[in-house]
Amino acid sequence: MASLSTDAAGNRTVQFVAGDGRRRSVRLGKVSKRVAEGVKLRVEALNTASVSRLSLDGETAARVAGIGGDLAAKLAAVGLIPARASRTLTEFLAGYVEGRRADGSKPATIVNIRRVADDLCAVLGGRTDLRRITAEDAERFKAHYQRKGLAPATVYRRLKMAKMLFGHAAKLGLIPANPFADVKAKNHNPPDRLHYVTPADARRLCEVAAPAWRTIIALARFGGLRTPSETLSLRWQDVDLAAGRMTVTSPKTEHIEGRAYRVVPVFAALRPYLEEAWELAEPGEVYVVGGKTGAGYRAAARGPNGWVNADLRTTFQKIVRRAGLAAWPRLFHNLRASCETDLMQHHPIHVVTAWIGNTPKIALGYYLIHVPGDAVTF
């Protein structure tokens, strides 16, 4: 026989005497009495079968097969059922990555998942059974990233990815609970990572750059486009200079309903550069950043890692030095952030974020920069 007890906090526990004569406990937490009574009946049936060395009857076997992973782990811990088969960390992560690739996830997304997956295997051990990974291991993994000196925002993103991976394992019933559920990290953009690129400095950059690069810089600084994905994807058919607007396709957010593209004004500061690009474009040119430069970057982006293959940073650093400027952190992000900062001086936040393609929360946390004096007027 088994007994059911409830403590002062409302936590219920089923106790029974196992075949070795020792008292064992199955702690259920705060569940209803009806649920606890049901578990008690199963514990009695399982213990009777174990003590008598008899097979489970069909009804009990069916119920055991259908219980959740959390309860199954508790019953296995007290010897009432065999531990459910799980997977090693490497097996699970490899399967998850292949599944995301088969689902058509973007190459850059796969790269980010694989980076965290490789780190998990290196720190926690690739051959470790998923069920043996604890909250303490999760904290150890967090400490590993902190020791590497990564930016807090990077640590936050990677831990969020780890939490998502183990959440998927829990959903599949491979683990009873997510060990990363309560792992916390700060998500903020340190002030030293923000840099306002003045309109004057942006024009200096354009003056010393080749024509294709003038367009790239202008689209980022005076149009607020993500670079390289949105800048290199922009087609002439989507630019209406007469009407003063352009339709920007967003590879980063195209999987989100309603965010595959956005309509952006051709701001006064951007117009001269687009007009120049139009005048210089070869007949039949499809892309705004065209020619050999644009084609070369787009070809690189069609590699296995997507847009992360399009290495614009190296060339841009040379342009920055040629302009007599010092390189700033997050070169292209801060061009875009500077654009959004300027726009916010003269337009409501919901309008600006619609143009830029982010949200007020993201803009306030990662884009808007304090600028002494007056910003450019759009």
Protein backbone atom coordinates (compact mmCIF):
# COMPACT_ATOMS: atom_id res chain seq x y z
CA MET A 1 0.00 0.00 0.00
CA ALA A 2 1.01 3.59 -0.57
CA SER A 3 0.15 6.67 1.46
CA LEU A 4 -0.55 10.25 0.40
CA SER A 5 0.50 13.24 2.50
CA THR A 6 0.22 17.01 2.11
CA ASP A 7 2.52 19.50 3.79
CA ALA A 8 1.66 22.98 5.06
CA ALA A 9 2.56 24.56 1.71
CA GLY A 10 0.19 22.26 -0.17
CA ASN A 11 2.86 20.01 -1.69
CA ARG A 12 1.75 16.40 -2.02
CA THR A 13 3.95 13.31 -1.62
CA VAL A 14 3.24 9.64 -2.27
CA GLN A 15 5.17 7.24 -0.01
CA PHE A 16 5.51 3.48 -0.26
CA VAL A 17 7.69 0.62 1.03
CA ALA A 18 9.77 -0.87 -1.77
CA GLY A 19 10.74 -4.51 -2.16
CA ASP A 20 13.99 -3.93 -0.25
CA GLY A 21 12.02 -2.76 2.79
CA ARG A 22 13.01 0.88 2.45
CA ARG A 23 10.50 3.72 2.37
CA ARG A 24 10.53 5.70 -0.87
CA SER A 25 8.88 9.02 -1.74
CA VAL A 26 7.50 10.44 -4.97
CA ARG A 27 7.20 14.20 -4.53
CA LEU A 28 4.43 15.62 -6.73
CA GLY A 29 4.48 19.28 -5.73
CA LYS A 30 1.28 21.34 -5.69
CA VAL A 31 -1.19 19.18 -7.58
CA SER A 32 -4.87 18.55 -6.99
CA LYS A 33 -5.93 15.77 -4.64
CA ARG A 34 -7.56 13.96 -7.54
CA VAL A 35 -4.32 13.92 -9.53
CA ALA A 36 -2.35 12.84 -6.46
CA GLU A 37 -4.80 9.98 -5.79
CA GLY A 38 -4.37 8.82 -9.37
CA VAL A 39 -0.59 8.77 -9.01
CA LYS A 40 -0.94 6.91 -5.70
CA LEU A 41 -2.94 4.15 -7.42
CA ARG A 42 -0.31 3.81 -10.13
CA VAL A 43 2.49 3.70 -7.56
CA GLU A 44 0.68 0.90 -5.71
CA ALA A 45 0.21 -1.10 -8.92
CA LEU A 46 3.82 -0.60 -10.00
CA ASN A 47 5.21 -1.47 -6.57
CA THR A 48 3.05 -4.60 -6.33
CA ALA A 49 4.31 -5.75 -9.72
CA SER A 50 7.90 -5.00 -8.74
CA VAL A 51 7.71 -6.82 -5.38
CA SER A 52 5.90 -9.81 -6.91
CA ARG A 53 8.16 -9.82 -9.99
CA LEU A 54 5.07 -9.86 -12.18
CA SER A 55 4.42 -8.12 -15.49
CA LEU A 56 2.17 -5.07 -15.50
CA ASP A 57 -1.41 -5.59 -16.56
CA GLY A 58 -2.37 -4.00 -19.88
CA GLU A 59 -4.24 -1.06 -18.40
CA THR A 60 -1.41 -0.06 -16.04
CA ALA A 61 1.21 -0.49 -18.77
CA ALA A 62 -0.79 1.79 -21.08
CA ARG A 63 -1.10 4.46 -18.40
CA VAL A 64 2.61 4.31 -17.60
CA ALA A 65 3.45 4.71 -21.29
CA GLY A 66 1.31 7.84 -21.46
CA ILE A 67 2.61 9.73 -18.43
CA GLY A 68 4.69 12.85 -18.85
CA GLY A 69 8.45 12.96 -18.73
CA ASP A 70 8.62 14.71 -15.35
CA LEU A 71 6.57 12.07 -13.51
CA ALA A 72 8.28 9.25 -15.42
CA ALA A 73 11.65 10.52 -14.21
CA LYS A 74 10.40 10.59 -10.60
CA LEU A 75 9.03 7.05 -10.83
CA ALA A 76 12.27 5.83 -12.39
CA ALA A 77 14.27 7.52 -9.62
CA VAL A 78 12.53 5.33 -6.99
CA GLY A 79 12.89 2.17 -9.07
CA LEU A 80 9.26 1.72 -10.10
CA ILE A 81 9.88 1.91 -13.86
CA PRO A 82 13.00 1.80 -16.03
CA ALA A 83 14.50 5.16 -16.92
CA ARG A 84 13.20 6.29 -20.28
CA ALA A 85 15.69 6.24 -23.09
CA SER A 86 17.11 9.70 -23.82
CA ARG A 87 19.78 11.02 -26.15
CA THR A 88 23.26 12.35 -25.78
CA LEU A 89 23.70 16.08 -26.06
CA THR A 90 25.50 15.71 -29.42
CA GLU A 91 22.77 13.47 -30.86
CA PHE A 92 20.00 15.82 -29.84
CA LEU A 93 21.72 18.99 -31.07
CA ALA A 94 22.75 17.43 -34.39
CA GLY A 95 19.18 16.30 -34.97
CA TYR A 96 17.81 19.72 -34.10
CA VAL A 97 20.18 21.51 -36.48
CA GLU A 98 19.34 19.15 -39.34
CA GLY A 99 15.65 19.67 -38.66
CA ARG A 100 16.00 23.44 -38.83
CA ARG A 101 18.00 23.15 -42.04
CA ALA A 102 15.33 20.92 -43.56
CA ASP A 103 12.66 23.45 -42.54
CA GLY A 104 14.43 26.11 -44.60
CA SER A 105 15.93 28.17 -41.78
CA LYS A 106 18.29 30.87 -42.98
CA PRO A 107 21.99 29.96 -43.20
CA ALA A 108 22.89 32.70 -40.71
CA THR A 109 20.38 31.25 -38.25
CA ILE A 110 21.95 27.80 -38.63
CA VAL A 111 25.38 29.32 -38.01
CA ASN A 112 24.15 30.91 -34.76
CA ILE A 113 22.54 27.67 -33.57
CA ARG A 114 25.63 25.61 -34.39
CA ARG A 115 27.86 28.06 -32.52
CA VAL A 116 25.86 27.61 -29.30
CA ALA A 117 25.48 23.86 -29.91
CA ASP A 118 29.25 23.47 -30.27
CA ASP A 119 29.80 25.48 -27.09
CA LEU A 120 27.29 23.35 -25.18
CA CYS A 121 29.04 20.16 -26.25
CA ALA A 122 32.47 21.56 -25.38
CA VAL A 123 31.45 22.77 -21.90
CA LEU A 124 28.91 20.14 -20.84
CA GLY A 125 30.28 17.16 -22.78
CA GLY A 126 28.84 15.94 -26.06
CA ARG A 127 28.33 12.39 -24.75
CA THR A 128 26.40 13.56 -21.69
CA ASP A 129 22.87 12.19 -21.40
CA LEU A 130 20.38 15.03 -21.75
CA ARG A 131 18.63 13.95 -18.54
CA ARG A 132 21.82 14.39 -16.54
CA ILE A 133 22.18 18.08 -17.41
CA THR A 134 21.11 20.17 -14.42
CA ALA A 135 20.41 23.78 -13.58
CA GLU A 136 23.88 23.85 -12.02
CA ASP A 137 25.35 22.82 -15.39
CA ALA A 138 23.38 25.61 -17.04
CA GLU A 139 24.87 28.16 -14.65
CA ARG A 140 28.31 26.71 -15.37
CA PHE A 141 27.68 27.24 -19.07
CA LYS A 142 26.70 30.86 -18.41
CA ALA A 143 29.91 31.37 -16.40
CA HIS A 144 31.90 30.01 -19.35
CA TYR A 145 30.60 32.80 -21.58
CA GLN A 146 31.18 35.43 -18.92
CA ARG A 147 34.79 34.32 -18.48
CA LYS A 148 35.34 34.73 -22.23
CA GLY A 149 34.62 38.42 -21.86
CA LEU A 150 31.75 38.48 -24.34
CA ALA A 151 29.49 41.52 -24.46
CA PRO A 152 26.46 41.20 -22.15
CA ALA A 153 24.10 41.36 -25.13
CA THR A 154 25.99 38.49 -26.79
CA VAL A 155 25.84 36.39 -23.62
CA TYR A 156 22.11 37.10 -23.39
CA ARG A 157 21.46 36.00 -26.99
CA ARG A 158 23.48 32.80 -26.67
CA LEU A 159 21.87 31.82 -23.37
CA LYS A 160 18.48 32.53 -24.89
CA MET A 161 19.41 30.13 -27.71
CA ALA A 162 20.49 27.46 -25.19
CA LYS A 163 17.22 27.90 -23.31
CA MET A 164 15.29 27.48 -26.57
CA LEU A 165 17.21 24.28 -27.43
CA PHE A 166 16.53 22.63 -24.08
CA GLY A 167 12.96 23.88 -24.17
CA HIS A 168 12.54 21.90 -27.37
CA ALA A 169 14.02 18.82 -25.68
CA ALA A 170 11.50 19.20 -22.85
CA LYS A 171 8.67 19.58 -25.36
CA LEU A 172 9.72 16.29 -26.96
CA GLY A 173 9.73 14.59 -23.56
CA LEU A 174 13.48 13.92 -23.70
CA ILE A 175 14.03 15.73 -20.39
CA PRO A 176 11.63 16.35 -17.50
CA ALA A 177 12.34 20.08 -17.28
CA ASN A 178 14.42 22.79 -18.93
CA PRO A 179 17.66 23.28 -16.92
CA PHE A 180 18.09 26.75 -18.48
CA ALA A 181 14.62 27.94 -17.45
CA ASP A 182 15.87 30.17 -14.63
CA VAL A 183 19.25 31.20 -16.03
CA LYS A 184 19.31 35.00 -16.21
CA ALA A 185 21.48 37.41 -18.16
CA LYS A 186 21.30 41.15 -18.74
CA ASN A 187 20.20 42.25 -22.20
CA HIS A 188 21.54 45.71 -22.85
CA ASN A 189 23.74 47.58 -25.27
CA PRO A 190 26.70 49.14 -23.40
CA PRO A 191 27.13 52.87 -24.11
CA ASP A 192 30.64 52.29 -25.43
CA ARG A 193 29.14 50.19 -28.24
CA LEU A 194 26.99 53.10 -29.44
CA HIS A 195 28.51 55.69 -31.76
CA TYR A 196 26.76 58.51 -33.54
CA VAL A 197 28.07 58.95 -37.08
CA THR A 198 27.42 62.57 -37.99
CA PRO A 199 25.99 63.45 -41.42
CA ALA A 200 29.21 65.33 -42.14
CA ASP A 201 31.35 62.25 -41.41
CA ALA A 202 29.03 60.10 -43.51
CA ARG A 203 29.48 62.48 -46.45
CA ARG A 204 33.25 62.38 -45.95
CA LEU A 205 33.09 58.60 -46.21
CA CYS A 206 31.06 58.84 -49.41
CA GLU A 207 33.50 61.32 -50.93
CA VAL A 208 36.43 58.90 -50.70
CA ALA A 209 34.47 55.76 -51.63
CA ALA A 210 33.92 54.17 -55.01
CA PRO A 211 30.41 54.67 -56.51
CA ALA A 212 28.97 51.34 -55.34
CA TRP A 213 30.27 51.95 -51.85
CA ARG A 214 28.83 55.48 -51.81
CA THR A 215 25.44 53.87 -52.33
CA ILE A 216 26.03 51.27 -49.62
CA ILE A 217 27.06 53.88 -47.06
CA ALA A 218 24.20 56.24 -47.97
CA LEU A 219 21.54 53.54 -47.79
CA ALA A 220 22.74 52.58 -44.31
CA ARG A 221 23.29 56.10 -42.90
CA PHE A 222 20.61 58.12 -44.68
CA GLY A 223 18.09 55.33 -45.41
CA GLY A 224 18.43 53.18 -42.29
CA LEU A 225 18.73 49.90 -44.21
CA ARG A 226 20.25 46.79 -42.67
CA THR A 227 23.61 46.05 -44.26
CA PRO A 228 24.35 43.82 -46.06
CA SER A 229 21.01 42.00 -46.37
CA GLU A 230 18.61 44.86 -47.16
CA THR A 231 21.14 47.08 -48.92
CA LEU A 232 22.26 44.39 -51.35
CA SER A 233 18.70 43.10 -51.89
CA LEU A 234 17.27 46.48 -52.94
CA ARG A 235 16.17 46.49 -56.61
CA TRP A 236 15.51 49.42 -58.89
CA GLN A 237 11.96 48.20 -59.47
CA ASP A 238 11.33 48.87 -55.76
CA VAL A 239 12.62 52.47 -55.86
CA ASP A 240 10.24 55.21 -56.98
CA LEU A 241 12.26 58.42 -57.04
CA ALA A 242 9.39 60.41 -58.51
CA ALA A 243 7.07 59.45 -55.67
CA GLY A 244 9.88 59.66 -53.11
CA ARG A 245 9.58 56.18 -51.64
CA MET A 246 11.15 52.73 -51.82
CA THR A 247 9.96 49.27 -50.84
CA VAL A 248 12.62 47.55 -48.76
CA THR A 249 12.65 43.76 -48.69
CA SER A 250 13.87 42.47 -45.33
CA PRO A 251 15.50 39.01 -45.42
CA LYS A 252 15.94 39.14 -41.63
CA THR A 253 12.24 39.52 -40.82
CA GLU A 254 10.55 38.01 -43.87
CA HIS A 255 9.49 34.96 -41.83
CA ILE A 256 7.42 37.22 -39.53
CA GLU A 257 3.90 37.88 -40.75
CA GLY A 258 3.57 41.43 -42.07
CA ARG A 259 7.30 42.16 -41.91
CA ALA A 260 8.60 40.77 -45.19
CA TYR A 261 8.96 44.32 -46.51
CA ARG A 262 8.36 47.92 -45.52
CA VAL A 263 7.86 51.20 -47.39
CA VAL A 264 10.47 53.86 -46.60
CA PRO A 265 10.62 57.48 -47.80
CA VAL A 266 13.50 58.54 -50.00
CA PHE A 267 14.81 61.06 -47.49
CA ALA A 268 16.36 64.29 -48.75
CA ALA A 269 19.81 63.28 -47.50
CA LEU A 270 19.60 59.97 -49.38
CA ARG A 271 18.16 61.20 -52.68
CA PRO A 272 21.39 62.55 -54.28
CA TYR A 273 23.13 59.22 -53.81
CA LEU A 274 20.27 57.22 -55.31
CA GLU A 275 20.05 59.60 -58.24
CA GLU A 276 23.78 59.22 -58.83
CA ALA A 277 23.52 55.43 -58.62
CA TRP A 278 20.67 55.51 -61.17
CA GLU A 279 22.70 57.63 -63.56
CA LEU A 280 25.73 55.34 -63.28
CA ALA A 281 23.81 52.07 -63.53
CA GLU A 282 24.38 49.96 -66.64
CA PRO A 283 21.32 49.41 -68.86
CA GLY A 284 19.25 46.55 -67.49
CA GLU A 285 20.89 46.65 -64.04
CA VAL A 286 18.52 45.07 -61.53
CA TYR A 287 20.06 46.03 -58.21
CA VAL A 288 20.65 49.46 -56.71
CA VAL A 289 24.08 48.30 -55.54
CA GLY A 290 24.99 46.77 -58.84
CA GLY A 291 28.00 46.12 -61.04
CA LYS A 292 30.83 43.80 -60.11
CA THR A 293 30.89 45.04 -56.52
CA GLY A 294 27.27 44.24 -55.76
CA ALA A 295 27.31 41.01 -57.74
CA GLY A 296 30.40 39.81 -55.90
CA TYR A 297 28.89 40.42 -52.47
CA ARG A 298 25.60 38.77 -53.43
CA ALA A 299 27.44 35.74 -54.81
CA ALA A 300 29.30 35.40 -51.50
CA ALA A 301 25.99 35.63 -49.64
CA ARG A 302 24.68 32.63 -51.57
CA GLY A 303 27.28 30.47 -49.82
CA PRO A 304 26.48 28.03 -47.01
CA ASN A 305 26.42 30.76 -44.35
CA GLY A 306 24.29 33.31 -46.19
CA TRP A 307 24.81 37.04 -45.63
CA VAL A 308 27.56 36.45 -43.07
CA ASN A 309 29.72 35.45 -46.03
CA ALA A 310 29.44 38.94 -47.56
CA ASP A 311 32.46 40.50 -45.86
CA LEU A 312 31.86 44.24 -46.28
CA ARG A 313 33.62 45.13 -43.06
CA THR A 314 37.18 44.81 -44.40
CA THR A 315 36.62 47.21 -47.29
CA PHE A 316 34.61 49.62 -45.17
CA GLN A 317 37.40 49.85 -42.59
CA LYS A 318 39.74 50.94 -45.40
CA ILE A 319 37.26 53.62 -46.47
CA VAL A 320 37.00 54.85 -42.87
CA ARG A 321 40.79 55.18 -42.65
CA ARG A 322 40.94 56.87 -46.07
CA ALA A 323 38.44 59.45 -44.82
CA GLY A 324 40.71 60.20 -41.86
CA LEU A 325 38.24 58.83 -39.33
CA ALA A 326 38.68 56.33 -36.50
CA ALA A 327 36.70 53.10 -36.81
CA TRP A 328 33.80 52.79 -34.39
CA PRO A 329 32.17 49.67 -32.90
CA ARG A 330 29.53 47.86 -34.95
CA LEU A 331 30.30 49.79 -38.12
CA PHE A 332 27.07 49.26 -40.07
CA HIS A 333 24.71 48.97 -37.12
CA ASN A 334 25.74 52.40 -35.89
CA LEU A 335 25.18 53.94 -39.33
CA ARG A 336 21.62 52.64 -39.18
CA ALA A 337 21.24 53.64 -35.52
CA SER A 338 22.43 57.16 -36.34
CA CYS A 339 19.79 57.39 -39.05
CA GLU A 340 17.06 56.33 -36.63
CA THR A 341 18.34 58.77 -34.03
CA ASP A 342 18.06 61.65 -36.52
CA LEU A 343 14.57 60.66 -37.62
CA MET A 344 13.38 60.48 -34.02
CA GLN A 345 14.08 64.20 -33.61
CA HIS A 346 11.26 65.07 -35.98
CA HIS A 347 8.83 62.14 -36.21
CA PRO A 348 6.80 59.96 -33.76
CA ILE A 349 8.51 56.80 -32.60
CA HIS A 350 5.90 54.46 -34.11
CA VAL A 351 6.40 56.07 -37.52
CA VAL A 352 10.20 55.95 -37.34
CA THR A 353 10.33 52.31 -36.22
CA ALA A 354 7.98 51.37 -39.08
CA TRP A 355 10.42 52.99 -41.51
CA ILE A 356 13.49 51.42 -39.90
CA GLY A 357 11.90 47.99 -39.44
CA ASN A 358 12.30 47.49 -35.69
CA THR A 359 10.09 48.15 -32.65
CA PRO A 360 9.99 50.98 -30.10
CA LYS A 361 11.41 48.64 -27.46
CA ILE A 362 14.36 47.66 -29.66
CA ALA A 363 14.90 51.24 -30.79
CA LEU A 364 15.04 52.52 -27.21
CA GLY A 365 17.33 49.72 -26.06
CA TYR A 366 19.74 49.34 -28.96
CA TYR A 367 19.50 52.16 -31.48
CA LEU A 368 18.81 55.62 -30.11
CA ILE A 369 21.94 57.56 -29.28
CA HIS A 370 22.30 60.69 -27.19
CA VAL A 371 23.61 63.41 -29.51
CA PRO A 372 24.66 66.84 -28.26
CA GLY A 373 23.35 69.66 -30.45
CA ASP A 374 21.08 69.45 -33.46
CA ALA A 375 20.84 66.38 -35.69
CA VAL A 376 20.25 66.45 -39.40
CA THR A 377 16.73 67.31 -40.53
CA PHE A 378 15.04 64.74 -42.76
